[in-house]
Amino acid sequence: EISSTDLRTVPSNIYWPTPIENITLFSNGNLETIEPHAFSSAANLKRINLIGSGHTREDLIFKSNAFHTTSSLQKTFELVTSAAVIYESNAFGNVDGGQLWDTLDIGSSAYGISNGFPEEAFR
């Protein structure tokens, strides 16, 4: 769990140790961007929780392949934020060979999804 930090970006290609199953980013108000392949190396990933992150920002941007995953386990992505969310094309990475997410629990935010509900992000 990474909570209440000044984290602005979750960078690309983070090395996640094999035992990691759950990643929670809680109340990181200044979070602006999740870069491509930030979670790809989490081979046993079961859940990503983004709760209260990005709430002091105008937009929270999920780059292409931001949530690309190699985990073949049942996975849930949970998002609760008051920031306006921008999903770039292929944000969940399955077009580029990533595994599908089983559950997308995307709550509504005060500002909604800035770029609508883009089909290309969720293919």
Protein backbone atom coordinates (compact mmCIF):
# COMPACT_ATOMS: atom_id res chain seq x y z
CA GLU A 1 0.00 0.00 0.00
CA ILE A 2 1.22 3.45 -0.92
CA SER A 3 -0.81 6.04 0.95
CA SER A 4 -0.90 9.76 1.57
CA THR A 5 2.24 10.61 -0.38
CA ASP A 6 3.15 13.36 -2.83
CA LEU A 7 3.44 10.74 -5.59
CA ARG A 8 2.66 12.35 -8.95
CA THR A 9 3.48 9.52 -11.36
CA VAL A 10 3.47 5.75 -11.19
CA PRO A 11 6.38 5.08 -13.56
CA SER A 12 6.76 2.49 -16.30
CA ASN A 13 8.34 -0.90 -15.76
CA ILE A 14 8.35 -1.08 -11.97
CA TYR A 15 9.82 -4.33 -10.70
CA TRP A 16 7.16 -5.96 -8.48
CA PRO A 17 8.32 -8.97 -6.43
CA THR A 18 6.55 -12.24 -7.25
CA PRO A 19 4.61 -12.48 -3.94
CA ILE A 20 2.80 -9.17 -4.56
CA GLU A 21 -0.92 -9.83 -5.14
CA ASN A 22 -2.60 -6.55 -4.14
CA ILE A 23 -1.49 -3.02 -4.93
CA THR A 24 -3.32 -0.17 -3.24
CA LEU A 25 -2.75 3.52 -3.95
CA PHE A 26 -4.77 5.23 -1.23
CA SER A 27 -5.24 8.98 -0.83
CA ASN A 28 -2.35 10.06 -3.04
CA GLY A 29 -4.01 13.35 -3.90
CA ASN A 30 -1.36 14.64 -6.28
CA LEU A 31 -1.31 11.58 -8.51
CA GLU A 32 -1.44 12.75 -12.13
CA THR A 33 -0.39 9.85 -14.34
CA ILE A 34 0.03 6.11 -14.47
CA GLU A 35 2.62 5.35 -17.14
CA PRO A 36 2.64 2.37 -19.55
CA HIS A 37 3.44 -1.05 -18.09
CA ALA A 38 3.55 0.22 -14.51
CA PHE A 39 2.16 -3.10 -13.22
CA SER A 40 3.21 -5.55 -15.96
CA SER A 41 5.83 -7.33 -13.85
CA ALA A 42 3.38 -8.15 -11.02
CA ALA A 43 3.01 -11.78 -12.14
CA ASN A 44 0.65 -12.78 -9.30
CA LEU A 45 -1.48 -9.64 -9.31
CA LYS A 46 -5.06 -10.08 -8.13
CA ARG A 47 -6.16 -6.53 -7.34
CA ILE A 48 -5.30 -2.89 -7.94
CA ASN A 49 -7.12 -0.35 -5.77
CA LEU A 50 -6.93 3.35 -6.58
CA ILE A 51 -8.92 4.94 -3.80
CA GLY A 52 -8.91 8.68 -3.25
CA SER A 53 -5.87 9.19 -5.46
CA GLY A 54 -5.73 12.15 -7.78
CA HIS A 55 -8.37 14.06 -5.83
CA THR A 56 -6.45 17.35 -5.77
CA ARG A 57 -5.67 17.15 -9.49
CA GLU A 58 -7.73 18.39 -12.38
CA ASP A 59 -7.19 15.17 -14.36
CA LEU A 60 -5.93 11.67 -13.60
CA ILE A 61 -4.41 10.20 -16.76
CA PHE A 62 -4.08 6.48 -17.46
CA LYS A 63 -1.63 6.06 -20.34
CA SER A 64 -1.86 3.31 -22.95
CA ASN A 65 -0.91 0.00 -21.26
CA ALA A 66 -1.08 1.61 -17.79
CA PHE A 67 -2.91 -1.44 -16.45
CA HIS A 68 -1.30 -4.04 -18.71
CA THR A 69 -0.96 -7.23 -16.70
CA THR A 70 0.72 -10.57 -17.20
CA SER A 71 -1.12 -12.21 -14.29
CA SER A 72 -3.35 -15.08 -15.34
CA LEU A 73 -5.15 -15.03 -11.96
CA GLN A 74 -8.63 -13.60 -11.47
CA LYS A 75 -8.10 -9.83 -11.22
CA THR A 76 -10.06 -6.80 -10.07
CA PHE A 77 -9.34 -3.15 -10.80
CA GLU A 78 -11.08 -0.74 -8.41
CA LEU A 79 -11.17 3.03 -8.91
CA VAL A 80 -12.71 5.57 -6.56
CA THR A 81 -11.62 9.15 -7.22
CA SER A 82 -13.08 12.61 -7.43
CA ALA A 83 -10.62 13.56 -10.20
CA ALA A 84 -11.63 13.68 -13.84
CA VAL A 85 -10.24 10.52 -15.42
CA ILE A 86 -8.65 10.29 -18.86
CA TYR A 87 -8.23 6.80 -20.29
CA GLU A 88 -5.87 6.65 -23.24
CA SER A 89 -6.34 3.99 -25.93
CA ASN A 90 -5.62 0.47 -24.69
CA ALA A 91 -5.28 1.63 -21.07
CA PHE A 92 -5.81 -1.96 -19.89
CA GLY A 93 -3.21 -3.39 -22.26
CA ASN A 94 -5.02 -6.41 -23.61
CA VAL A 95 -4.58 -5.27 -27.25
CA ASP A 96 -0.80 -5.54 -26.73
CA GLY A 97 -0.91 -9.08 -25.35
CA GLY A 98 -1.84 -8.39 -21.74
CA GLN A 99 -4.25 -10.55 -19.79
CA LEU A 100 -7.87 -9.44 -19.47
CA TRP A 101 -9.17 -7.99 -16.21
CA ASP A 102 -12.04 -10.00 -14.72
CA THR A 103 -13.68 -7.11 -12.86
CA LEU A 104 -13.50 -3.36 -13.49
CA ASP A 105 -15.09 -1.57 -10.54
CA ILE A 106 -14.99 2.00 -11.78
CA GLY A 107 -17.00 4.23 -9.50
CA SER A 108 -18.35 7.54 -10.62
CA SER A 109 -16.39 10.65 -9.78
CA ALA A 110 -17.44 14.22 -9.27
CA TYR A 111 -15.98 15.07 -12.70
CA GLY A 112 -16.55 11.80 -14.56
CA ILE A 113 -14.40 10.49 -17.35
CA SER A 114 -12.88 13.50 -19.11
CA ASN A 115 -12.67 11.86 -22.50
CA GLY A 116 -16.04 10.13 -22.29
CA PHE A 117 -16.09 6.36 -22.10
CA PRO A 118 -13.63 5.62 -24.89
CA GLU A 119 -14.11 2.25 -26.54
CA GLU A 120 -10.41 2.05 -27.41
CA ALA A 121 -9.45 2.18 -23.73
CA PHE A 122 -11.50 -0.86 -22.77
CA ARG A 123 -11.01 -3.20 -25.74
